[in-house]
Amino acid sequence: MSGIHYFGHIDRLLYEYYTAELAIPASDQENPGYRNPQLAELADTVVRLLEQEADHYRHYAARWRGEH
Protein backbone atom coordinates (compact mmCIF):
# COMPACT_ATOMS: atom_id res chain seq x y z
CA MET A 1 0.00 0.00 0.00
CA SER A 2 1.49 3.35 -0.98
CA GLY A 3 1.98 6.08 1.63
CA ILE A 4 -0.96 8.15 0.38
CA HIS A 5 -3.30 5.16 0.36
CA TYR A 6 -1.99 4.07 3.76
CA PHE A 7 -2.75 7.45 5.32
CA GLY A 8 -6.11 7.50 3.54
CA HIS A 9 -6.88 4.19 5.24
CA ILE A 10 -5.91 5.60 8.64
CA ASP A 11 -7.98 8.71 7.92
CA ARG A 12 -11.05 6.57 7.13
CA LEU A 13 -10.56 4.64 10.38
CA LEU A 14 -10.29 7.90 12.34
CA TYR A 15 -13.44 9.20 10.67
CA GLU A 16 -15.25 5.98 11.57
CA TYR A 17 -13.97 6.22 15.15
CA TYR A 18 -15.03 9.84 15.69
CA THR A 19 -18.37 9.33 13.95
CA ALA A 20 -19.13 6.42 16.28
CA GLU A 21 -17.89 8.37 19.30
CA LEU A 22 -20.09 11.36 18.49
CA ALA A 23 -23.09 9.05 18.18
CA ILE A 24 -22.76 8.00 21.84
CA PRO A 25 -25.35 9.78 23.98
CA ALA A 26 -23.88 12.28 26.43
CA SER A 27 -25.29 10.32 29.38
CA ASP A 28 -23.28 7.26 28.29
CA GLN A 29 -20.12 9.29 27.65
CA GLU A 30 -20.28 10.64 31.20
CA ASN A 31 -20.84 7.18 32.68
CA PRO A 32 -17.44 5.74 33.79
CA GLY A 33 -18.86 2.22 33.47
CA TYR A 34 -19.85 2.66 29.82
CA ARG A 35 -18.01 0.33 27.44
CA ASN A 36 -17.86 0.28 23.64
CA PRO A 37 -15.93 -2.67 22.19
CA GLN A 38 -16.26 -1.29 18.63
CA LEU A 39 -14.56 1.97 19.60
CA ALA A 40 -11.89 0.09 21.53
CA GLU A 41 -11.13 -2.09 18.51
CA LEU A 42 -11.01 0.91 16.17
CA ALA A 43 -8.68 2.77 18.55
CA ASP A 44 -6.39 -0.26 18.83
CA THR A 45 -6.27 -0.58 15.03
CA VAL A 46 -5.41 3.11 14.58
CA VAL A 47 -2.66 2.87 17.21
CA ARG A 48 -1.21 -0.25 15.60
CA LEU A 49 -1.14 1.36 12.14
CA LEU A 50 0.36 4.61 13.43
CA GLU A 51 3.04 2.69 15.34
CA GLN A 52 3.92 0.77 12.16
CA GLU A 53 4.19 4.00 10.24
CA ALA A 54 6.29 5.58 12.99
CA ASP A 55 8.68 2.60 12.88
CA HIS A 56 8.95 3.04 9.11
CA TYR A 57 9.93 6.70 9.47
CA ARG A 58 12.30 5.99 12.39
CA HIS A 59 14.13 3.53 10.16
CA TYR A 60 14.48 6.10 7.38
CA ALA A 61 15.50 8.86 9.77
CA ALA A 62 18.32 6.65 11.07
CA ARG A 63 19.27 5.76 7.49
CA TRP A 64 19.41 9.41 6.43
CA ARG A 65 21.60 10.18 9.45
CA GLY A 66 23.93 7.36 8.40
CA GLU A 67 23.23 5.22 11.47
CA HIS A 68 22.58 2.05 9.41
PDB file of N, CA and C in Angstrom:
ATOM      1  N   MET A   1       0.860  -1.172   0.000  1.00  0.00           N
ATOM      2  CA  MET A   1       0.000   0.000   0.000  1.00  0.00           C
ATOM      3  C   MET A   1       0.906   1.235   0.000  1.00  0.00           C
ATOM      4  N   SER A   2       0.661   2.141  -0.924  1.00  0.00           N
ATOM      5  CA  SER A   2       1.493   3.347  -0.977  1.00  0.00           C
ATOM      6  C   SER A   2       1.194   4.247   0.214  1.00  0.00           C
ATOM      7  N   GLY A   3       2.121   5.184   0.480  1.00  0.00           N
ATOM      8  CA  GLY A   3       1.977   6.076   1.627  1.00  0.00           C
ATOM      9  C   GLY A   3       0.670   6.846   1.626  1.00  0.00           C
ATOM     10  N   ILE A   4       0.282   7.380   0.461  1.00  0.00           N
ATOM     11  CA  ILE A   4      -0.960   8.152   0.384  1.00  0.00           C
ATOM     12  C   ILE A   4      -2.162   7.265   0.677  1.00  0.00           C
ATOM     13  N   HIS A   5      -2.186   6.075   0.105  1.00  0.00           N
ATOM     14  CA  HIS A   5      -3.300   5.162   0.357  1.00  0.00           C
ATOM     15  C   HIS A   5      -3.314   4.707   1.817  1.00  0.00           C
ATOM     16  N   TYR A   6      -2.120   4.504   2.368  1.00  0.00           N
ATOM     17  CA  TYR A   6      -1.993   4.073   3.757  1.00  0.00           C
ATOM     18  C   TYR A   6      -2.591   5.122   4.694  1.00  0.00           C
ATOM     19  N   PHE A   7      -2.215   6.386   4.479  1.00  0.00           N
ATOM     20  CA  PHE A   7      -2.753   7.451   5.320  1.00  0.00           C
ATOM     21  C   PHE A   7      -4.233   7.662   5.063  1.00  0.00           C
ATOM     22  N   GLY A   8      -4.679   7.434   3.832  1.00  0.00           N
ATOM     23  CA  GLY A   8      -6.106   7.500   3.542  1.00  0.00           C
ATOM     24  C   GLY A   8      -6.869   6.454   4.332  1.00  0.00           C
ATOM     25  N   HIS A   9      -6.266   5.266   4.459  1.00  0.00           N
ATOM     26  CA  HIS A   9      -6.884   4.187   5.238  1.00  0.00           C
ATOM     27  C   HIS A   9      -6.984   4.588   6.714  1.00  0.00           C
ATOM     28  N   ILE A  10      -5.902   5.140   7.248  1.00  0.00           N
ATOM     29  CA  ILE A  10      -5.912   5.595   8.643  1.00  0.00           C
ATOM     30  C   ILE A  10      -6.949   6.703   8.820  1.00  0.00           C
ATOM     31  N   ASP A  11      -7.008   7.615   7.859  1.00  0.00           N
ATOM     32  CA  ASP A  11      -7.980   8.707   7.918  1.00  0.00           C
ATOM     33  C   ASP A  11      -9.410   8.175   7.951  1.00  0.00           C
ATOM     34  N   ARG A  12      -9.698   7.169   7.126  1.00  0.00           N
ATOM     35  CA  ARG A  12     -11.045   6.573   7.133  1.00  0.00           C
ATOM     36  C   ARG A  12     -11.358   5.919   8.481  1.00  0.00           C
ATOM     37  N   LEU A  13     -10.357   5.254   9.065  1.00  0.00           N
ATOM     38  CA  LEU A  13     -10.564   4.642  10.383  1.00  0.00           C
ATOM     39  C   LEU A  13     -10.819   5.706  11.448  1.00  0.00           C
ATOM     40  N   LEU A  14     -10.074   6.804  11.388  1.00  0.00           N
ATOM     41  CA  LEU A  14     -10.286   7.895  12.343  1.00  0.00           C
ATOM     42  C   LEU A  14     -11.670   8.505  12.165  1.00  0.00           C
ATOM     43  N   TYR A  15     -12.103   8.672  10.934  1.00  0.00           N
ATOM     44  CA  TYR A  15     -13.438   9.201  10.665  1.00  0.00           C
ATOM     45  C   TYR A  15     -14.494   8.260  11.254  1.00  0.00           C
ATOM     46  N   GLU A  16     -14.318   6.969  11.026  1.00  0.00           N
ATOM     47  CA  GLU A  16     -15.249   5.982  11.567  1.00  0.00           C
ATOM     48  C   GLU A  16     -15.270   6.036  13.099  1.00  0.00           C
ATOM     49  N   TYR A  17     -14.078   6.151  13.698  1.00  0.00           N
ATOM     50  CA  TYR A  17     -13.974   6.221  15.152  1.00  0.00           C
ATOM     51  C   TYR A  17     -14.731   7.436  15.694  1.00  0.00           C
ATOM     52  N   TYR A  18     -14.416   8.626  15.153  1.00  0.00           N
ATOM     53  CA  TYR A  18     -15.029   9.843  15.693  1.00  0.00           C
ATOM     54  C   TYR A  18     -16.513   9.930  15.375  1.00  0.00           C
ATOM     55  N   THR A  19     -16.946   9.384  14.254  1.00  0.00           N
ATOM     56  CA  THR A  19     -18.373   9.333  13.946  1.00  0.00           C
ATOM     57  C   THR A  19     -19.095   8.469  14.968  1.00  0.00           C
ATOM     58  N   ALA A  20     -18.518   7.315  15.284  1.00  0.00           N
ATOM     59  CA  ALA A  20     -19.130   6.425  16.278  1.00  0.00           C
ATOM     60  C   ALA A  20     -19.106   7.059  17.665  1.00  0.00           C
ATOM     61  N   GLU A  21     -17.995   7.735  17.986  1.00  0.00           N
ATOM     62  CA  GLU A  21     -17.888   8.372  19.304  1.00  0.00           C
ATOM     63  C   GLU A  21     -18.935   9.486  19.464  1.00  0.00           C
ATOM     64  N   LEU A  22     -19.108  10.271  18.417  1.00  0.00           N
ATOM     65  CA  LEU A  22     -20.088  11.362  18.486  1.00  0.00           C
ATOM     66  C   LEU A  22     -21.525  10.861  18.569  1.00  0.00           C
ATOM     67  N   ALA A  23     -21.747   9.628  18.134  1.00  0.00           N
ATOM     68  CA  ALA A  23     -23.089   9.051  18.180  1.00  0.00           C
ATOM     69  C   ALA A  23     -23.459   8.537  19.572  1.00  0.00           C
ATOM     70  N   ILE A  24     -22.493   8.480  20.481  1.00  0.00           N
ATOM     71  CA  ILE A  24     -22.762   7.997  21.836  1.00  0.00           C
ATOM     72  C   ILE A  24     -23.497   9.094  22.600  1.00  0.00           C
ATOM     73  N   PRO A  25     -24.624   8.775  23.200  1.00  0.00           N
ATOM     74  CA  PRO A  25     -25.348   9.779  23.979  1.00  0.00           C
ATOM     75  C   PRO A  25     -24.485  10.340  25.112  1.00  0.00           C
ATOM     76  N   ALA A  26     -24.670  11.604  25.400  1.00  0.00           N
ATOM     77  CA  ALA A  26     -23.878  12.279  26.433  1.00  0.00           C
ATOM     78  C   ALA A  26     -23.959  11.553  27.769  1.00  0.00           C
ATOM     79  N   SER A  27     -25.138  11.025  28.091  1.00  0.00           N
ATOM     80  CA  SER A  27     -25.287  10.324  29.377  1.00  0.00           C
ATOM     81  C   SER A  27     -24.374   9.101  29.442  1.00  0.00           C
ATOM     82  N   ASP A  28     -24.190   8.417  28.315  1.00  0.00           N
ATOM     83  CA  ASP A  28     -23.285   7.261  28.289  1.00  0.00           C
ATOM     84  C   ASP A  28     -21.829   7.714  28.343  1.00  0.00           C
ATOM     85  N   GLN A  29     -21.498   8.796  27.646  1.00  0.00           N
ATOM     86  CA  GLN A  29     -20.123   9.290  27.652  1.00  0.00           C
ATOM     87  C   GLN A  29     -19.677   9.702  29.048  1.00  0.00           C
ATOM     88  N   GLU A  30     -20.604  10.196  29.844  1.00  0.00           N
ATOM     89  CA  GLU A  30     -20.282  10.636  31.198  1.00  0.00           C
ATOM     90  C   GLU A  30     -20.264   9.492  32.192  1.00  0.00           C
ATOM     91  N   ASN A  31     -20.767   8.339  31.797  1.00  0.00           N
ATOM     92  CA  ASN A  31     -20.836   7.178  32.676  1.00  0.00           C
ATOM     93  C   ASN A  31     -19.498   6.430  32.641  1.00  0.00           C
ATOM     94  N   PRO A  32     -18.744   6.409  33.775  1.00  0.00           N
ATOM     95  CA  PRO A  32     -17.440   5.738  33.792  1.00  0.00           C
ATOM     96  C   PRO A  32     -17.530   4.236  33.524  1.00  0.00           C
ATOM     97  N   GLY A  33     -18.693   3.650  33.711  1.00  0.00           N
ATOM     98  CA  GLY A  33     -18.856   2.220  33.474  1.00  0.00           C
ATOM     99  C   GLY A  33     -19.233   1.874  32.047  1.00  0.00           C
ATOM    100  N   TYR A  34     -19.437   2.903  31.208  1.00  0.00           N
ATOM    101  CA  TYR A  34     -19.847   2.662  29.819  1.00  0.00           C
ATOM    102  C   TYR A  34     -18.698   2.035  29.035  1.00  0.00           C
ATOM    103  N   ARG A  35     -19.001   1.019  28.264  1.00  0.00           N
ATOM    104  CA  ARG A  35     -18.006   0.333  27.437  1.00  0.00           C
ATOM    105  C   ARG A  35     -18.488   0.321  25.991  1.00  0.00           C
ATOM    106  N   ASN A  36     -17.534   0.368  25.059  1.00  0.00           N
ATOM    107  CA  ASN A  36     -17.860   0.279  23.644  1.00  0.00           C
ATOM    108  C   ASN A  36     -16.758  -0.518  22.957  1.00  0.00           C
ATOM    109  N   PRO A  37     -16.962  -1.823  22.796  1.00  0.00           N
ATOM    110  CA  PRO A  37     -15.932  -2.673  22.191  1.00  0.00           C
ATOM    111  C   PRO A  37     -15.571  -2.244  20.758  1.00  0.00           C
ATOM    112  N   GLN A  38     -16.533  -1.728  19.999  1.00  0.00           N
ATOM    113  CA  GLN A  38     -16.261  -1.287  18.634  1.00  0.00           C
ATOM    114  C   GLN A  38     -15.261  -0.132  18.636  1.00  0.00           C
ATOM    115  N   LEU A  39     -15.485   0.844  19.509  1.00  0.00           N
ATOM    116  CA  LEU A  39     -14.559   1.968  19.595  1.00  0.00           C
ATOM    117  C   LEU A  39     -13.182   1.517  20.087  1.00  0.00           C
ATOM    118  N   ALA A  40     -13.168   0.603  21.018  1.00  0.00           N
ATOM    119  CA  ALA A  40     -11.894   0.089  21.533  1.00  0.00           C
ATOM    120  C   ALA A  40     -11.115  -0.597  20.419  1.00  0.00           C
ATOM    121  N   GLU A  41     -11.798  -1.393  19.609  1.00  0.00           N
ATOM    122  CA  GLU A  41     -11.131  -2.087  18.511  1.00  0.00           C
ATOM    123  C   GLU A  41     -10.623  -1.098  17.458  1.00  0.00           C
ATOM    124  N   LEU A  42     -11.439  -0.109  17.128  1.00  0.00           N
ATOM    125  CA  LEU A  42     -11.009   0.912  16.172  1.00  0.00           C
ATOM    126  C   LEU A  42      -9.784   1.669  16.687  1.00  0.00           C
ATOM    127  N   ALA A  43      -9.816   2.050  17.951  1.00  0.00           N
ATOM    128  CA  ALA A  43      -8.683   2.773  18.546  1.00  0.00           C
ATOM    129  C   ALA A  43      -7.427   1.913  18.525  1.00  0.00           C
ATOM    130  N   ASP A  44      -7.547   0.641  18.864  1.00  0.00           N
ATOM    131  CA  ASP A  44      -6.390  -0.263  18.826  1.00  0.00           C
ATOM    132  C   ASP A  44      -5.826  -0.393  17.413  1.00  0.00           C
ATOM    133  N   THR A  45      -6.706  -0.463  16.425  1.00  0.00           N
ATOM    134  CA  THR A  45      -6.270  -0.576  15.035  1.00  0.00           C
ATOM    135  C   THR A  45      -5.527   0.680  14.600  1.00  0.00           C
ATOM    136  N   VAL A  46      -6.066   1.852  14.937  1.00  0.00           N
ATOM    137  CA  VAL A  46      -5.414   3.110  14.583  1.00  0.00           C
ATOM    138  C   VAL A  46      -4.032   3.187  15.234  1.00  0.00           C
ATOM    139  N   VAL A  47      -3.953   2.841  16.500  1.00  0.00           N
ATOM    140  CA  VAL A  47      -2.660   2.870  17.208  1.00  0.00           C
ATOM    141  C   VAL A  47      -1.665   1.928  16.543  1.00  0.00           C
ATOM    142  N   ARG A  48      -2.102   0.727  16.223  1.00  0.00           N
ATOM    143  CA  ARG A  48      -1.207  -0.247  15.597  1.00  0.00           C
ATOM    144  C   ARG A  48      -0.676   0.284  14.260  1.00  0.00           C
ATOM    145  N   LEU A  49      -1.558   0.842  13.437  1.00  0.00           N
ATOM    146  CA  LEU A  49      -1.135   1.362  12.137  1.00  0.00           C
ATOM    147  C   LEU A  49      -0.208   2.564  12.278  1.00  0.00           C
ATOM    148  N   LEU A  50      -0.502   3.441  13.216  1.00  0.00           N
ATOM    149  CA  LEU A  50       0.364   4.606  13.427  1.00  0.00           C
ATOM    150  C   LEU A  50       1.730   4.191  13.966  1.00  0.00           C
ATOM    151  N   GLU A  51       1.760   3.175  14.835  1.00  0.00           N
ATOM    152  CA  GLU A  51       3.044   2.687  15.339  1.00  0.00           C
ATOM    153  C   GLU A  51       3.868   2.070  14.212  1.00  0.00           C
ATOM    154  N   GLN A  52       3.212   1.335  13.310  1.00  0.00           N
ATOM    155  CA  GLN A  52       3.921   0.766  12.163  1.00  0.00           C
ATOM    156  C   GLN A  52       4.503   1.871  11.297  1.00  0.00           C
ATOM    157  N   GLU A  53       3.721   2.895  11.059  1.00  0.00           N
ATOM    158  CA  GLU A  53       4.188   4.001  10.237  1.00  0.00           C
ATOM    159  C   GLU A  53       5.331   4.746  10.928  1.00  0.00           C
ATOM    160  N   ALA A  54       5.226   4.921  12.240  1.00  0.00           N
ATOM    161  CA  ALA A  54       6.290   5.576  12.994  1.00  0.00           C
ATOM    162  C   ALA A  54       7.585   4.765  12.900  1.00  0.00           C
ATOM    163  N   ASP A  55       7.489   3.454  13.010  1.00  0.00           N
ATOM    164  CA  ASP A  55       8.680   2.603  12.876  1.00  0.00           C
ATOM    165  C   ASP A  55       9.314   2.770  11.500  1.00  0.00           C
ATOM    166  N   HIS A  56       8.478   2.844  10.482  1.00  0.00           N
ATOM    167  CA  HIS A  56       8.954   3.039   9.114  1.00  0.00           C
ATOM    168  C   HIS A  56       9.763   4.330   9.011  1.00  0.00           C
ATOM    169  N   TYR A  57       9.235   5.413   9.547  1.00  0.00           N
ATOM    170  CA  TYR A  57       9.931   6.700   9.470  1.00  0.00           C
ATOM    171  C   TYR A  57      11.145   6.756  10.387  1.00  0.00           C
ATOM    172  N   ARG A  58      11.113   6.069  11.528  1.00  0.00           N
ATOM    173  CA  ARG A  58      12.299   5.990  12.389  1.00  0.00           C
ATOM    174  C   ARG A  58      13.450   5.328  11.648  1.00  0.00           C
ATOM    175  N   HIS A  59      13.123   4.253  10.930  1.00  0.00           N
ATOM    176  CA  HIS A  59      14.131   3.535  10.156  1.00  0.00           C
ATOM    177  C   HIS A  59      14.766   4.472   9.122  1.00  0.00           C
ATOM    178  N   TYR A  60      13.942   5.197   8.397  1.00  0.00           N
ATOM    179  CA  TYR A  60      14.478   6.103   7.377  1.00  0.00           C
ATOM    180  C   TYR A  60      15.228   7.278   7.996  1.00  0.00           C
ATOM    181  N   ALA A  61      14.781   7.770   9.106  1.00  0.00           N
ATOM    182  CA  ALA A  61      15.502   8.862   9.770  1.00  0.00           C
ATOM    183  C   ALA A  61      16.908   8.396  10.149  1.00  0.00           C
ATOM    184  N   ALA A  62      17.002   7.192  10.709  1.00  0.00           N
ATOM    185  CA  ALA A  62      18.317   6.647  11.065  1.00  0.00           C
ATOM    186  C   ALA A  62      19.164   6.447   9.810  1.00  0.00           C
ATOM    187  N   ARG A  63      18.549   5.969   8.750  1.00  0.00           N
ATOM    188  CA  ARG A  63      19.269   5.763   7.492  1.00  0.00           C
ATOM    189  C   ARG A  63      19.814   7.085   6.972  1.00  0.00           C
ATOM    190  N   TRP A  64      18.975   8.128   6.968  1.00  0.00           N
ATOM    191  CA  TRP A  64      19.411   9.415   6.429  1.00  0.00           C
ATOM    192  C   TRP A  64      20.483  10.069   7.302  1.00  0.00           C
ATOM    193  N   ARG A  65      20.528   9.687   8.575  1.00  0.00           N
ATOM    194  CA  ARG A  65      21.600  10.176   9.454  1.00  0.00           C
ATOM    195  C   ARG A  65      22.867   9.350   9.328  1.00  0.00           C
ATOM    196  N   GLY A  66      22.775   8.241   8.586  1.00  0.00           N
ATOM    197  CA  GLY A  66      23.934   7.361   8.403  1.00  0.00           C
ATOM    198  C   GLY A  66      24.130   6.399   9.546  1.00  0.00           C
ATOM    199  N   GLU A  67      23.108   6.119  10.313  1.00  0.00           N
ATOM    200  CA  GLU A  67      23.229   5.220  11.466  1.00  0.00           C
ATOM    201  C   GLU A  67      23.096   3.748  11.084  1.00  0.00           C
ATOM    202  N   HIS A  68      22.710   3.461   9.858  1.00  0.00           N
ATOM    203  CA  HIS A  68      22.575   2.055   9.415  1.00  0.00           C
ATOM    204  C   HIS A  68      23.492   1.798   8.267  1.00  0.00           C
TER     205      HIS A  68
END
